[in-house]
């Protein structure tokens, strides 16, 4: 997909696995348990989405800003989660991936 915007859609259980997404924006979508497994992201924006239990396994997330999205947990490959942007409230989830406990 290229040059596409998804706005206020119900994307629960949608499957983008194995896709190349170039210049794609996801804005205010309900994307619970959506699959982005083994995707190739180029200029992808995720803004104000509900991403509970979304799956980004085997997808490089460098440069992706998750800070405005809502989730308690997601599936990510820890080694590919480097250099992404998150909010302070999302930090405990990501530190737990590396066995770091915040007390």
PDB file of N, CA and C in Angstrom:
ATOM      1  N   UNK A   1       0.844  -1.176   0.000  1.00  0.00           N
ATOM      2  CA  UNK A   1       0.000   0.000   0.000  1.00  0.00           C
ATOM      3  C   UNK A   1       0.885   1.233   0.000  1.00  0.00           C
ATOM      4  N   UNK A   2       0.439   2.222  -0.711  1.00  0.00           N
ATOM      5  CA  UNK A   2       1.187   3.463  -0.774  1.00  0.00           C
ATOM      6  C   UNK A   2       0.226   4.645  -0.842  1.00  0.00           C
ATOM      7  N   UNK A   3       0.580   5.705  -0.111  1.00  0.00           N
ATOM      8  CA  UNK A   3      -0.193   6.952  -0.118  1.00  0.00           C
ATOM      9  C   UNK A   3      -1.660   6.719   0.253  1.00  0.00           C
ATOM     10  N   UNK A   4      -1.856   6.077   1.418  1.00  0.00           N
ATOM     11  CA  UNK A   4      -3.201   5.742   1.896  1.00  0.00           C
ATOM     12  C   UNK A   4      -3.357   6.273   3.316  1.00  0.00           C
ATOM     13  N   UNK A   5      -4.570   6.706   3.653  1.00  0.00           N
ATOM     14  CA  UNK A   5      -4.881   7.095   5.022  1.00  0.00           C
ATOM     15  C   UNK A   5      -6.121   6.347   5.487  1.00  0.00           C
ATOM     16  N   UNK A   6      -6.016   5.726   6.666  1.00  0.00           N
ATOM     17  CA  UNK A   6      -7.143   5.071   7.319  1.00  0.00           C
ATOM     18  C   UNK A   6      -7.566   5.973   8.472  1.00  0.00           C
ATOM     19  N   UNK A   7      -8.794   6.487   8.449  1.00  0.00           N
ATOM     20  CA  UNK A   7      -9.275   7.396   9.485  1.00  0.00           C
ATOM     21  C   UNK A   7     -10.602   6.890  10.042  1.00  0.00           C
ATOM     22  N   UNK A   8     -10.629   6.732  11.387  1.00  0.00           N
ATOM     23  CA  UNK A   8     -11.832   6.335  12.119  1.00  0.00           C
ATOM     24  C   UNK A   8     -12.476   5.064  11.554  1.00  0.00           C
ATOM     25  N   UNK A   9     -11.663   4.052  11.334  1.00  0.00           N
ATOM     26  CA  UNK A   9     -12.150   2.770  10.826  1.00  0.00           C
ATOM     27  C   UNK A   9     -12.142   1.715  11.917  1.00  0.00           C
ATOM     28  N   UNK A  10     -12.935   0.708  11.738  1.00  0.00           N
ATOM     29  CA  UNK A  10     -12.907  -0.467  12.582  1.00  0.00           C
ATOM     30  C   UNK A  10     -11.965  -1.463  11.904  1.00  0.00           C
ATOM     31  N   UNK A  11     -10.739  -1.562  12.436  1.00  0.00           N
ATOM     32  CA  UNK A  11      -9.717  -2.432  11.860  1.00  0.00           C
ATOM     33  C   UNK A  11      -9.397  -3.613  12.766  1.00  0.00           C
ATOM     34  N   UNK A  12     -10.255  -3.878  13.738  1.00  0.00           N
ATOM     35  CA  UNK A  12     -10.038  -4.998  14.642  1.00  0.00           C
ATOM     36  C   UNK A  12      -9.881  -6.279  13.832  1.00  0.00           C
ATOM     37  N   UNK A  13      -8.809  -7.021  14.123  1.00  0.00           N
ATOM     38  CA  UNK A  13      -8.456  -8.278  13.458  1.00  0.00           C
ATOM     39  C   UNK A  13      -8.027  -8.101  12.000  1.00  0.00           C
ATOM     40  N   UNK A  14      -7.833  -6.885  11.529  1.00  0.00           N
ATOM     41  CA  UNK A  14      -7.337  -6.701  10.162  1.00  0.00           C
ATOM     42  C   UNK A  14      -5.950  -7.315  10.052  1.00  0.00           C
ATOM     43  N   UNK A  15      -5.595  -7.768   8.879  1.00  0.00           N
ATOM     44  CA  UNK A  15      -4.325  -8.448   8.690  1.00  0.00           C
ATOM     45  C   UNK A  15      -3.525  -7.785   7.566  1.00  0.00           C
ATOM     46  N   UNK A  16      -2.486  -7.040   7.959  1.00  0.00           N
ATOM     47  CA  UNK A  16      -1.581  -6.397   7.015  1.00  0.00           C
ATOM     48  C   UNK A  16      -0.265  -7.178   6.910  1.00  0.00           C
ATOM     49  N   UNK A  17      -0.198  -8.359   7.481  1.00  0.00           N
ATOM     50  CA  UNK A  17       1.041  -9.133   7.574  1.00  0.00           C
ATOM     51  C   UNK A  17       1.722  -9.294   6.218  1.00  0.00           C
ATOM     52  N   UNK A  18       3.035  -9.109   6.231  1.00  0.00           N
ATOM     53  CA  UNK A  18       3.837  -9.265   5.028  1.00  0.00           C
ATOM     54  C   UNK A  18       3.731  -8.122   4.039  1.00  0.00           C
ATOM     55  N   UNK A  19       3.033  -7.062   4.409  1.00  0.00           N
ATOM     56  CA  UNK A  19       2.807  -5.940   3.492  1.00  0.00           C
ATOM     57  C   UNK A  19       3.937  -4.912   3.558  1.00  0.00           C
ATOM     58  N   UNK A  20       4.113  -4.217   2.475  1.00  0.00           N
ATOM     59  CA  UNK A  20       4.953  -3.023   2.461  1.00  0.00           C
ATOM     60  C   UNK A  20       4.000  -1.836   2.530  1.00  0.00           C
ATOM     61  N   UNK A  21       4.173  -1.020   3.551  1.00  0.00           N
ATOM     62  CA  UNK A  21       3.332   0.161   3.744  1.00  0.00           C
ATOM     63  C   UNK A  21       4.213   1.392   3.586  1.00  0.00           C
ATOM     64  N   UNK A  22       3.950   2.176   2.565  1.00  0.00           N
ATOM     65  CA  UNK A  22       4.761   3.353   2.271  1.00  0.00           C
ATOM     66  C   UNK A  22       3.858   4.578   2.254  1.00  0.00           C
ATOM     67  N   UNK A  23       4.193   5.558   3.089  1.00  0.00           N
ATOM     68  CA  UNK A  23       3.394   6.780   3.211  1.00  0.00           C
ATOM     69  C   UNK A  23       1.948   6.445   3.570  1.00  0.00           C
ATOM     70  N   UNK A  24       1.796   5.656   4.633  1.00  0.00           N
ATOM     71  CA  UNK A  24       0.476   5.248   5.100  1.00  0.00           C
ATOM     72  C   UNK A  24       0.250   5.831   6.490  1.00  0.00           C
ATOM     73  N   UNK A  25      -0.929   6.405   6.695  1.00  0.00           N
ATOM     74  CA  UNK A  25      -1.282   7.008   7.983  1.00  0.00           C
ATOM     75  C   UNK A  25      -2.510   6.309   8.546  1.00  0.00           C
ATOM     76  N   UNK A  26      -2.404   5.943   9.833  1.00  0.00           N
ATOM     77  CA  UNK A  26      -3.521   5.367  10.577  1.00  0.00           C
ATOM     78  C   UNK A  26      -3.915   6.390  11.633  1.00  0.00           C
ATOM     79  N   UNK A  27      -5.115   6.947  11.537  1.00  0.00           N
ATOM     80  CA  UNK A  27      -5.559   8.024  12.409  1.00  0.00           C
ATOM     81  C   UNK A  27      -6.882   7.671  13.081  1.00  0.00           C
ATOM     82  N   UNK A  28      -6.860   7.575  14.402  1.00  0.00           N
ATOM     83  CA  UNK A  28      -8.058   7.365  15.222  1.00  0.00           C
ATOM     84  C   UNK A  28      -8.854   6.122  14.816  1.00  0.00           C
ATOM     85  N   UNK A  29      -8.154   5.014  14.633  1.00  0.00           N
ATOM     86  CA  UNK A  29      -8.805   3.750  14.272  1.00  0.00           C
ATOM     87  C   UNK A  29      -8.923   2.839  15.479  1.00  0.00           C
ATOM     88  N   UNK A  30      -9.898   1.977  15.448  1.00  0.00           N
ATOM     89  CA  UNK A  30     -10.040   0.897  16.419  1.00  0.00           C
ATOM     90  C   UNK A  30      -9.315  -0.290  15.781  1.00  0.00           C
ATOM     91  N   UNK A  31      -8.089  -0.544  16.237  1.00  0.00           N
ATOM     92  CA  UNK A  31      -7.232  -1.549  15.600  1.00  0.00           C
ATOM     93  C   UNK A  31      -6.767  -2.598  16.604  1.00  0.00           C
ATOM     94  N   UNK A  32      -7.687  -3.034  17.458  1.00  0.00           N
ATOM     95  CA  UNK A  32      -7.354  -4.067  18.434  1.00  0.00           C
ATOM     96  C   UNK A  32      -7.050  -5.379  17.715  1.00  0.00           C
ATOM     97  N   UNK A  33      -6.009  -6.037  18.165  1.00  0.00           N
ATOM     98  CA  UNK A  33      -5.587  -7.336  17.640  1.00  0.00           C
ATOM     99  C   UNK A  33      -5.380  -7.330  16.126  1.00  0.00           C
ATOM    100  N   UNK A  34      -4.948  -6.202  15.597  1.00  0.00           N
ATOM    101  CA  UNK A  34      -4.621  -6.091  14.184  1.00  0.00           C
ATOM    102  C   UNK A  34      -3.217  -6.634  13.954  1.00  0.00           C
ATOM    103  N   UNK A  35      -2.993  -7.272  12.825  1.00  0.00           N
ATOM    104  CA  UNK A  35      -1.706  -7.882  12.520  1.00  0.00           C
ATOM    105  C   UNK A  35      -0.900  -7.028  11.545  1.00  0.00           C
ATOM    106  N   UNK A  36       0.284  -6.609  12.002  1.00  0.00           N
ATOM    107  CA  UNK A  36       1.280  -5.931  11.186  1.00  0.00           C
ATOM    108  C   UNK A  36       2.553  -6.784  11.194  1.00  0.00           C
ATOM    109  N   UNK A  37       2.405  -8.087  11.185  1.00  0.00           N
ATOM    110  CA  UNK A  37       3.520  -9.015  11.304  1.00  0.00           C
ATOM    111  C   UNK A  37       4.377  -9.002  10.036  1.00  0.00           C
ATOM    112  N   UNK A  38       5.696  -8.912  10.229  1.00  0.00           N
ATOM    113  CA  UNK A  38       6.660  -8.969   9.123  1.00  0.00           C
ATOM    114  C   UNK A  38       6.354  -7.937   8.036  1.00  0.00           C
ATOM    115  N   UNK A  39       5.998  -6.735   8.463  1.00  0.00           N
ATOM    116  CA  UNK A  39       5.734  -5.655   7.510  1.00  0.00           C
ATOM    117  C   UNK A  39       6.999  -4.842   7.251  1.00  0.00           C
ATOM    118  N   UNK A  40       6.997  -4.151   6.141  1.00  0.00           N
ATOM    119  CA  UNK A  40       8.046  -3.217   5.804  1.00  0.00           C
ATOM    120  C   UNK A  40       7.427  -1.825   5.853  1.00  0.00           C
ATOM    121  N   UNK A  41       7.790  -1.043   6.884  1.00  0.00           N
ATOM    122  CA  UNK A  41       7.235   0.298   7.070  1.00  0.00           C
ATOM    123  C   UNK A  41       8.175   1.349   6.483  1.00  0.00           C
ATOM    124  N   UNK A  42       7.627   2.231   5.671  1.00  0.00           N
ATOM    125  CA  UNK A  42       8.356   3.391   5.156  1.00  0.00           C
ATOM    126  C   UNK A  42       7.431   4.589   5.269  1.00  0.00           C
ATOM    127  N   UNK A  43       7.750   5.496   6.165  1.00  0.00           N
ATOM    128  CA  UNK A  43       6.946   6.696   6.383  1.00  0.00           C
ATOM    129  C   UNK A  43       5.517   6.345   6.821  1.00  0.00           C
ATOM    130  N   UNK A  44       5.417   5.490   7.840  1.00  0.00           N
ATOM    131  CA  UNK A  44       4.124   5.097   8.399  1.00  0.00           C
ATOM    132  C   UNK A  44       3.866   5.915   9.658  1.00  0.00           C
ATOM    133  N   UNK A  45       2.650   6.438   9.786  1.00  0.00           N
ATOM    134  CA  UNK A  45       2.251   7.197  10.963  1.00  0.00           C
ATOM    135  C   UNK A  45       1.095   6.483  11.658  1.00  0.00           C
ATOM    136  N   UNK A  46       1.211   6.375  12.982  1.00  0.00           N
ATOM    137  CA  UNK A  46       0.159   5.787  13.813  1.00  0.00           C
ATOM    138  C   UNK A  46      -0.248   6.846  14.830  1.00  0.00           C
ATOM    139  N   UNK A  47      -1.422   7.436  14.666  1.00  0.00           N
ATOM    140  CA  UNK A  47      -1.850   8.557  15.499  1.00  0.00           C
ATOM    141  C   UNK A  47      -3.208   8.282  16.144  1.00  0.00           C
ATOM    142  N   UNK A  48      -3.238   8.270  17.458  1.00  0.00           N
ATOM    143  CA  UNK A  48      -4.475   8.180  18.245  1.00  0.00           C
ATOM    144  C   UNK A  48      -5.301   6.926  17.936  1.00  0.00           C
ATOM    145  N   UNK A  49      -4.641   5.814  17.735  1.00  0.00           N
ATOM    146  CA  UNK A  49      -5.330   4.553  17.473  1.00  0.00           C
ATOM    147  C   UNK A  49      -5.446   3.731  18.745  1.00  0.00           C
ATOM    148  N   UNK A  50      -6.402   2.840  18.785  1.00  0.00           N
ATOM    149  CA  UNK A  50      -6.519   1.845  19.839  1.00  0.00           C
ATOM    150  C   UNK A  50      -5.813   0.602  19.301  1.00  0.00           C
ATOM    151  N   UNK A  51      -4.627   0.283  19.873  1.00  0.00           N
ATOM    152  CA  UNK A  51      -3.790  -0.796  19.355  1.00  0.00           C
ATOM    153  C   UNK A  51      -3.654  -1.959  20.331  1.00  0.00           C
ATOM    154  N   UNK A  52      -4.623  -2.132  21.206  1.00  0.00           N
ATOM    155  CA  UNK A  52      -4.550  -3.214  22.190  1.00  0.00           C
ATOM    156  C   UNK A  52      -4.321  -4.562  21.507  1.00  0.00           C
ATOM    157  N   UNK A  53      -3.264  -5.242  21.935  1.00  0.00           N
ATOM    158  CA  UNK A  53      -2.897  -6.577  21.447  1.00  0.00           C
ATOM    159  C   UNK A  53      -2.588  -6.619  19.952  1.00  0.00           C
ATOM    160  N   UNK A  54      -2.246  -5.483  19.358  1.00  0.00           N
ATOM    161  CA  UNK A  54      -1.822  -5.479  17.958  1.00  0.00           C
ATOM    162  C   UNK A  54      -0.500  -6.238  17.848  1.00  0.00           C
ATOM    163  N   UNK A  55      -0.259  -6.845  16.708  1.00  0.00           N
ATOM    164  CA  UNK A  55       0.909  -7.687  16.517  1.00  0.00           C
ATOM    165  C   UNK A  55       1.858  -7.059  15.494  1.00  0.00           C
ATOM    166  N   UNK A  56       3.036  -6.638  15.972  1.00  0.00           N
ATOM    167  CA  UNK A  56       4.076  -6.063  15.133  1.00  0.00           C
ATOM    168  C   UNK A  56       5.297  -6.991  15.094  1.00  0.00           C
ATOM    169  N   UNK A  57       5.080  -8.277  15.305  1.00  0.00           N
ATOM    170  CA  UNK A  57       6.169  -9.240  15.363  1.00  0.00           C
ATOM    171  C   UNK A  57       6.942  -9.228  14.038  1.00  0.00           C
ATOM    172  N   UNK A  58       8.262  -9.235  14.110  1.00  0.00           N
ATOM    173  CA  UNK A  58       9.172  -9.251  12.951  1.00  0.00           C
ATOM    174  C   UNK A  58       9.048  -7.997  12.083  1.00  0.00           C
ATOM    175  N   UNK A  59       8.586  -6.882  12.663  1.00  0.00           N
ATOM    176  CA  UNK A  59       8.481  -5.615  11.941  1.00  0.00           C
ATOM    177  C   UNK A  59       9.396  -4.592  12.603  1.00  0.00           C
ATOM    178  N   UNK A  60      10.302  -3.998  11.839  1.00  0.00           N
ATOM    179  CA  UNK A  60      11.198  -2.965  12.368  1.00  0.00           C
ATOM    180  C   UNK A  60      10.379  -1.718  12.688  1.00  0.00           C
ATOM    181  N   UNK A  61      10.521  -1.230  13.925  1.00  0.00           N
ATOM    182  CA  UNK A  61       9.710  -0.100  14.394  1.00  0.00           C
ATOM    183  C   UNK A  61      10.520   1.174  14.605  1.00  0.00           C
ATOM    184  N   UNK A  62      11.744   1.215  14.148  1.00  0.00           N
ATOM    185  CA  UNK A  62      12.590   2.403  14.293  1.00  0.00           C
ATOM    186  C   UNK A  62      11.909   3.604  13.651  1.00  0.00           C
ATOM    187  N   UNK A  63      11.807   4.691  14.420  1.00  0.00           N
ATOM    188  CA  UNK A  63      11.207   5.924  13.932  1.00  0.00           C
ATOM    189  C   UNK A  63       9.691   5.983  14.044  1.00  0.00           C
ATOM    190  N   UNK A  64       9.047   4.892  14.412  1.00  0.00           N
ATOM    191  CA  UNK A  64       7.586   4.894  14.559  1.00  0.00           C
ATOM    192  C   UNK A  64       7.227   5.522  15.901  1.00  0.00           C
ATOM    193  N   UNK A  65       6.283   6.436  15.897  1.00  0.00           N
ATOM    194  CA  UNK A  65       5.846   7.135  17.105  1.00  0.00           C
ATOM    195  C   UNK A  65       4.539   6.518  17.598  1.00  0.00           C
ATOM    196  N   UNK A  66       4.634   5.808  18.721  1.00  0.00           N
ATOM    197  CA  UNK A  66       3.463   5.179  19.328  1.00  0.00           C
ATOM    198  C   UNK A  66       2.852   6.040  20.434  1.00  0.00           C
ATOM    199  N   UNK A  67       3.419   7.182  20.720  1.00  0.00           N
ATOM    200  CA  UNK A  67       3.077   7.945  21.926  1.00  0.00           C
ATOM    201  C   UNK A  67       1.623   8.391  22.027  1.00  0.00           C
ATOM    202  N   UNK A  68       0.918   8.566  20.927  1.00  0.00           N
ATOM    203  CA  UNK A  68      -0.479   9.017  20.991  1.00  0.00           C
ATOM    204  C   UNK A  68      -1.475   7.860  20.924  1.00  0.00           C
ATOM    205  N   UNK A  69      -0.971   6.646  20.776  1.00  0.00           N
ATOM    206  CA  UNK A  69      -1.824   5.466  20.656  1.00  0.00           C
ATOM    207  C   UNK A  69      -2.094   4.859  22.023  1.00  0.00           C
ATOM    208  N   UNK A  70      -3.196   4.120  22.121  1.00  0.00           N
ATOM    209  CA  UNK A  70      -3.592   3.480  23.373  1.00  0.00           C
ATOM    210  C   UNK A  70      -3.398   1.972  23.275  1.00  0.00           C
ATOM    211  N   UNK A  71      -2.727   1.407  24.290  1.00  0.00           N
ATOM    212  CA  UNK A  71      -2.581  -0.042  24.405  1.00  0.00           C
ATOM    213  C   UNK A  71      -2.006  -0.368  25.768  1.00  0.00           C
ATOM    214  N   UNK A  72      -2.325  -1.546  26.254  1.00  0.00           N
ATOM    215  CA  UNK A  72      -1.730  -2.075  27.483  1.00  0.00           C
ATOM    216  C   UNK A  72      -0.656  -3.087  27.123  1.00  0.00           C
ATOM    217  N   UNK A  73      -0.866  -3.762  26.005  1.00  0.00           N
ATOM    218  CA  UNK A  73       0.115  -4.741  25.538  1.00  0.00           C
ATOM    219  C   UNK A  73       0.056  -4.831  24.019  1.00  0.00           C
ATOM    220  N   UNK A  74       1.200  -5.217  23.453  1.00  0.00           N
ATOM    221  CA  UNK A  74       1.317  -5.448  22.013  1.00  0.00           C
ATOM    222  C   UNK A  74       2.323  -6.565  21.824  1.00  0.00           C
ATOM    223  N   UNK A  75       2.318  -7.155  20.667  1.00  0.00           N
ATOM    224  CA  UNK A  75       3.321  -8.147  20.310  1.00  0.00           C
ATOM    225  C   UNK A  75       4.360  -7.453  19.436  1.00  0.00           C
ATOM    226  N   UNK A  76       5.597  -7.413  19.913  1.00  0.00           N
ATOM    227  CA  UNK A  76       6.695  -6.825  19.153  1.00  0.00           C
ATOM    228  C   UNK A  76       7.923  -7.710  19.298  1.00  0.00           C
ATOM    229  N   UNK A  77       8.809  -7.637  18.344  1.00  0.00           N
ATOM    230  CA  UNK A  77      10.108  -8.294  18.452  1.00  0.00           C
ATOM    231  C   UNK A  77      11.018  -7.311  19.174  1.00  0.00           C
ATOM    232  N   UNK A  78      11.458  -7.626  20.400  1.00  0.00           N
ATOM    233  CA  UNK A  78      12.231  -6.649  21.188  1.00  0.00           C
ATOM    234  C   UNK A  78      13.418  -6.045  20.439  1.00  0.00           C
ATOM    235  N   UNK A  79      14.140  -6.835  19.676  1.00  0.00           N
ATOM    236  CA  UNK A  79      15.307  -6.315  18.956  1.00  0.00           C
ATOM    237  C   UNK A  79      14.920  -5.325  17.855  1.00  0.00           C
ATOM    238  N   UNK A  80      13.693  -5.395  17.382  1.00  0.00           N
ATOM    239  CA  UNK A  80      13.230  -4.507  16.319  1.00  0.00           C
ATOM    240  C   UNK A  80      12.443  -3.316  16.862  1.00  0.00           C
ATOM    241  N   UNK A  81      12.348  -3.204  18.198  1.00  0.00           N
ATOM    242  CA  UNK A  81      11.621  -2.097  18.826  1.00  0.00           C
ATOM    243  C   UNK A  81      12.545  -0.935  19.161  1.00  0.00           C
ATOM    244  N   UNK A  82      13.779  -0.999  18.731  1.00  0.00           N
ATOM    245  CA  UNK A  82      14.742   0.062  19.024  1.00  0.00           C
ATOM    246  C   UNK A  82      14.423   1.324  18.240  1.00  0.00           C
ATOM    247  N   UNK A  83      14.689   2.467  18.873  1.00  0.00           N
ATOM    248  CA  UNK A  83      14.543   3.794  18.252  1.00  0.00           C
ATOM    249  C   UNK A  83      13.121   4.172  17.876  1.00  0.00           C
ATOM    250  N   UNK A  84      12.152   3.566  18.546  1.00  0.00           N
ATOM    251  CA  UNK A  84      10.770   3.990  18.368  1.00  0.00           C
ATOM    252  C   UNK A  84      10.442   5.018  19.440  1.00  0.00           C
ATOM    253  N   UNK A  85       9.350   5.727  19.290  1.00  0.00           N
ATOM    254  CA  UNK A  85       8.949   6.748  20.249  1.00  0.00           C
ATOM    255  C   UNK A  85       7.712   6.280  20.998  1.00  0.00           C
ATOM    256  N   UNK A  86       7.758   6.444  22.329  1.00  0.00           N
ATOM    257  CA  UNK A  86       6.638   6.034  23.177  1.00  0.00           C
ATOM    258  C   UNK A  86       6.372   7.112  24.218  1.00  0.00           C
ATOM    259  N   UNK A  87       5.227   7.011  24.861  1.00  0.00           N
ATOM    260  CA  UNK A  87       4.905   7.932  25.953  1.00  0.00           C
ATOM    261  C   UNK A  87       5.419   7.347  27.265  1.00  0.00           C
ATOM    262  N   UNK A  88       5.477   8.168  28.277  1.00  0.00           N
ATOM    263  CA  UNK A  88       5.918   7.722  29.594  1.00  0.00           C
ATOM    264  C   UNK A  88       5.025   6.608  30.123  1.00  0.00           C
ATOM    265  N   UNK A  89       3.723   6.695  29.880  1.00  0.00           N
ATOM    266  CA  UNK A  89       2.799   5.665  30.371  1.00  0.00           C
ATOM    267  C   UNK A  89       2.992   4.323  29.647  1.00  0.00           C
ATOM    268  N   UNK A  90       3.604   4.324  28.467  1.00  0.00           N
ATOM    269  CA  UNK A  90       3.855   3.099  27.721  1.00  0.00           C
ATOM    270  C   UNK A  90       5.198   2.458  28.087  1.00  0.00           C
ATOM    271  N   UNK A  91       6.044   3.200  28.783  1.00  0.00           N
ATOM    272  CA  UNK A  91       7.388   2.725  29.108  1.00  0.00           C
ATOM    273  C   UNK A  91       7.411   1.412  29.895  1.00  0.00           C
ATOM    274  N   UNK A  92       6.546   1.203  30.897  1.00  0.00           N
ATOM    275  CA  UNK A  92       6.606  -0.069  31.635  1.00  0.00           C
ATOM    276  C   UNK A  92       6.435  -1.296  30.744  1.00  0.00           C
ATOM    277  N   UNK A  93       5.560  -1.231  29.755  1.00  0.00           N
ATOM    278  CA  UNK A  93       5.385  -2.364  28.856  1.00  0.00           C
ATOM    279  C   UNK A  93       6.687  -2.669  28.123  1.00  0.00           C
ATOM    280  N   UNK A  94       7.309  -1.653  27.557  1.00  0.00           N
ATOM    281  CA  UNK A  94       8.505  -1.884  26.759  1.00  0.00           C
ATOM    282  C   UNK A  94       9.722  -2.257  27.605  1.00  0.00           C
ATOM    283  N   UNK A  95       9.833  -1.706  28.801  1.00  0.00           N
ATOM    284  CA  UNK A  95      10.951  -2.116  29.651  1.00  0.00           C
ATOM    285  C   UNK A  95      10.790  -3.563  30.100  1.00  0.00           C
ATOM    286  N   UNK A  96       9.560  -4.027  30.261  1.00  0.00           N
ATOM    287  CA  UNK A  96       9.338  -5.419  30.661  1.00  0.00           C
ATOM    288  C   UNK A  96       9.805  -6.397  29.578  1.00  0.00           C
ATOM    289  N   UNK A  97       9.839  -5.966  28.315  1.00  0.00           N
ATOM    290  CA  UNK A  97      10.319  -6.820  27.244  1.00  0.00           C
ATOM    291  C   UNK A  97      11.788  -7.204  27.450  1.00  0.00           C
ATOM    292  N   UNK A  98      12.514  -6.332  28.118  1.00  0.00           N
ATOM    293  CA  UNK A  98      13.932  -6.558  28.351  1.00  0.00           C
ATOM    294  C   UNK A  98      14.211  -7.007  29.780  1.00  0.00           C
ATOM    295  N   UNK A  99      13.160  -7.380  30.521  1.00  0.00           N
ATOM    296  CA  UNK A  99      13.330  -7.873  31.875  1.00  0.00           C
ATOM    297  C   UNK A  99      13.662  -6.786  32.876  1.00  0.00           C
ATOM    298  N   UNK A 100      13.358  -5.534  32.537  1.00  0.00           N
ATOM    299  CA  UNK A 100      13.612  -4.409  33.443  1.00  0.00           C
ATOM    300  C   UNK A 100      12.357  -4.150  34.250  1.00  0.00           C
ATOM    301  N   UNK A 101      12.511  -4.067  35.547  1.00  0.00           N
ATOM    302  CA  UNK A 101      11.375  -3.814  36.447  1.00  0.00           C
ATOM    303  C   UNK A 101      11.471  -2.390  36.977  1.00  0.00           C
ATOM    304  N   UNK A 102      10.413  -1.633  36.830  1.00  0.00           N
ATOM    305  CA  UNK A 102      10.346  -0.267  37.362  1.00  0.00           C
ATOM    306  C   UNK A 102       9.652  -0.343  38.720  1.00  0.00           C
ATOM    307  N   UNK A 103      10.335   0.159  39.759  1.00  0.00           N
ATOM    308  CA  UNK A 103       9.745   0.107  41.112  1.00  0.00           C
ATOM    309  C   UNK A 103       9.556   1.500  41.660  1.00  0.00           C
TER     310      UNK A 103
END
